């Protein structure tokens, strides 16, 4: 049985909707979506709520 290493394991339509939102407002750099993603990832996978895991000094 082959192992699928590059097959997406995420909700494609949900991800594309988030990308479309950024395109619609003209934001193509690191910003509010990056912060939202990192906060959600940190809380879900690290069970950690402090800001020190990811740095956002540039915002």
N, C-alpha and C. Protein backbone atom coordinates (compact mmCIF):
# COMPACT_ATOMS: atom_id res chain seq x y z
N UNK A 1 0.84 -1.18 0.00
CA UNK A 1 0.00 0.00 0.00
C UNK A 1 0.89 1.25 0.00
N UNK A 2 0.72 2.14 -0.98
CA UNK A 2 1.54 3.36 -1.04
C UNK A 2 1.15 4.35 0.07
N UNK A 3 2.12 5.07 0.53
CA UNK A 3 1.90 6.10 1.54
C UNK A 3 1.82 7.45 0.84
N UNK A 4 0.72 8.16 1.06
CA UNK A 4 0.53 9.48 0.46
C UNK A 4 1.17 10.54 1.35
N UNK A 5 2.32 11.05 0.96
CA UNK A 5 3.00 12.05 1.77
C UNK A 5 2.66 13.48 1.37
N UNK A 6 2.20 13.68 0.17
CA UNK A 6 1.91 15.04 -0.30
C UNK A 6 0.43 15.29 -0.53
N UNK A 7 -0.41 14.33 -0.20
CA UNK A 7 -1.86 14.52 -0.36
C UNK A 7 -2.37 15.37 0.79
N UNK A 8 -3.12 16.43 0.50
CA UNK A 8 -3.59 17.32 1.56
C UNK A 8 -4.48 16.59 2.57
N UNK A 9 -4.29 16.91 3.82
CA UNK A 9 -5.10 16.35 4.90
C UNK A 9 -5.88 17.46 5.59
N UNK A 10 -6.20 18.51 4.86
CA UNK A 10 -6.92 19.65 5.42
C UNK A 10 -8.13 19.93 4.56
N UNK A 11 -8.98 20.80 5.02
CA UNK A 11 -10.20 21.16 4.32
C UNK A 11 -9.85 22.18 3.23
N UNK A 12 -9.75 21.71 2.02
CA UNK A 12 -9.28 22.54 0.90
C UNK A 12 -10.19 23.76 0.69
N UNK A 13 -11.48 23.55 0.67
CA UNK A 13 -12.40 24.67 0.40
C UNK A 13 -12.30 25.74 1.50
N UNK A 14 -12.16 25.32 2.74
CA UNK A 14 -12.02 26.27 3.85
C UNK A 14 -10.73 27.07 3.70
N UNK A 15 -9.65 26.41 3.33
CA UNK A 15 -8.37 27.09 3.14
C UNK A 15 -8.44 28.08 1.98
N UNK A 16 -9.07 27.67 0.89
CA UNK A 16 -9.19 28.55 -0.26
C UNK A 16 -10.05 29.78 0.06
N UNK A 17 -11.07 29.61 0.89
CA UNK A 17 -11.91 30.74 1.29
C UNK A 17 -11.09 31.76 2.10
N UNK A 18 -10.20 31.26 2.96
CA UNK A 18 -9.35 32.17 3.74
C UNK A 18 -8.37 32.91 2.83
N UNK A 19 -7.81 32.22 1.86
CA UNK A 19 -6.90 32.85 0.90
C UNK A 19 -7.64 33.89 0.07
N UNK A 20 -8.85 33.54 -0.37
CA UNK A 20 -9.66 34.47 -1.16
C UNK A 20 -9.95 35.75 -0.38
N UNK A 21 -10.22 35.61 0.92
CA UNK A 21 -10.48 36.80 1.73
C UNK A 21 -9.28 37.76 1.68
N UNK A 22 -8.08 37.22 1.78
CA UNK A 22 -6.88 38.06 1.70
C UNK A 22 -6.74 38.70 0.33
N UNK A 23 -7.00 37.93 -0.73
CA UNK A 23 -6.92 38.48 -2.07
C UNK A 23 -7.96 39.58 -2.27
N UNK A 24 -9.16 39.36 -1.76
CA UNK A 24 -10.24 40.34 -1.93
C UNK A 24 -9.91 41.69 -1.31
N UNK A 25 -9.20 41.69 -0.20
CA UNK A 25 -8.85 42.96 0.43
C UNK A 25 -7.48 43.47 0.00
N UNK A 26 -6.77 42.67 -0.82
CA UNK A 26 -5.49 43.11 -1.35
C UNK A 26 -4.32 42.92 -0.41
N UNK A 27 -4.42 42.01 0.54
CA UNK A 27 -3.34 41.77 1.51
C UNK A 27 -2.58 40.52 1.10
N UNK A 28 -1.33 40.69 0.69
CA UNK A 28 -0.55 39.56 0.19
C UNK A 28 0.67 39.25 1.04
N UNK A 29 0.84 39.95 2.13
CA UNK A 29 1.99 39.72 2.99
C UNK A 29 1.59 39.12 4.32
N UNK A 30 2.57 38.96 5.17
CA UNK A 30 2.31 38.45 6.51
C UNK A 30 1.50 39.48 7.27
N UNK A 31 0.47 39.04 7.97
CA UNK A 31 -0.36 39.98 8.69
C UNK A 31 -1.38 39.31 9.57
N UNK A 32 -2.61 39.82 9.52
CA UNK A 32 -3.64 39.38 10.47
C UNK A 32 -3.97 37.90 10.34
N UNK A 33 -3.96 37.34 9.16
CA UNK A 33 -4.25 35.90 9.00
C UNK A 33 -3.12 35.06 9.59
N UNK A 34 -1.90 35.54 9.46
CA UNK A 34 -0.76 34.83 10.04
C UNK A 34 -0.90 34.78 11.56
N UNK A 35 -1.27 35.89 12.15
CA UNK A 35 -1.45 35.96 13.60
C UNK A 35 -2.59 35.04 14.03
N UNK A 36 -3.71 35.06 13.31
CA UNK A 36 -4.84 34.18 13.63
C UNK A 36 -4.43 32.72 13.55
N UNK A 37 -3.71 32.35 12.48
CA UNK A 37 -3.27 30.96 12.31
C UNK A 37 -2.33 30.54 13.43
N UNK A 38 -1.34 31.36 13.73
CA UNK A 38 -0.36 31.00 14.76
C UNK A 38 -1.01 30.89 16.13
N UNK A 39 -1.94 31.79 16.44
CA UNK A 39 -2.63 31.72 17.72
C UNK A 39 -3.45 30.43 17.83
N UNK A 40 -4.20 30.11 16.78
CA UNK A 40 -5.01 28.89 16.79
C UNK A 40 -4.13 27.65 16.86
N UNK A 41 -3.04 27.64 16.10
CA UNK A 41 -2.13 26.48 16.09
C UNK A 41 -1.48 26.29 17.46
N UNK A 42 -1.04 27.38 18.04
CA UNK A 42 -0.39 27.32 19.35
C UNK A 42 -1.35 26.76 20.40
N UNK A 43 -2.59 27.25 20.41
CA UNK A 43 -3.56 26.79 21.40
C UNK A 43 -3.97 25.34 21.17
N UNK A 44 -4.12 24.95 19.90
CA UNK A 44 -4.57 23.59 19.57
C UNK A 44 -3.48 22.56 19.79
N UNK A 45 -2.28 22.82 19.30
CA UNK A 45 -1.24 21.80 19.29
C UNK A 45 -0.22 21.94 20.41
N UNK A 46 -0.05 23.13 20.94
CA UNK A 46 0.91 23.31 22.02
C UNK A 46 0.23 23.47 23.38
N UNK A 47 -1.11 23.69 23.34
CA UNK A 47 -1.87 23.93 24.55
C UNK A 47 -1.21 25.03 25.37
N UNK A 48 -0.86 26.10 24.68
CA UNK A 48 -0.09 27.19 25.26
C UNK A 48 -0.69 28.50 24.78
N UNK A 49 -0.97 29.41 25.65
CA UNK A 49 -1.65 30.64 25.27
C UNK A 49 -0.77 31.88 25.32
N UNK A 50 0.46 31.77 25.73
CA UNK A 50 1.34 32.93 25.83
C UNK A 50 1.87 33.35 24.47
N UNK A 51 2.13 34.63 24.30
CA UNK A 51 2.60 35.18 23.03
C UNK A 51 4.06 34.84 22.72
N UNK A 52 4.79 34.30 23.68
CA UNK A 52 6.22 34.11 23.48
C UNK A 52 6.57 32.98 22.50
N UNK A 53 5.60 32.17 22.11
CA UNK A 53 5.89 31.08 21.18
C UNK A 53 6.21 31.64 19.80
N UNK A 54 5.41 32.57 19.32
CA UNK A 54 5.64 33.23 18.04
C UNK A 54 5.84 34.71 18.28
N UNK A 55 6.72 35.31 17.54
CA UNK A 55 7.01 36.74 17.71
C UNK A 55 6.26 37.55 16.65
N UNK A 56 5.62 38.61 17.08
CA UNK A 56 4.89 39.49 16.17
C UNK A 56 5.33 40.93 16.39
N UNK A 57 6.60 41.12 16.65
CA UNK A 57 7.11 42.46 16.94
C UNK A 57 6.90 43.44 15.79
N UNK A 58 6.75 42.92 14.59
CA UNK A 58 6.65 43.80 13.42
C UNK A 58 5.25 44.35 13.23
N UNK A 59 4.27 43.91 14.00
CA UNK A 59 2.88 44.36 13.79
C UNK A 59 2.51 45.44 14.74
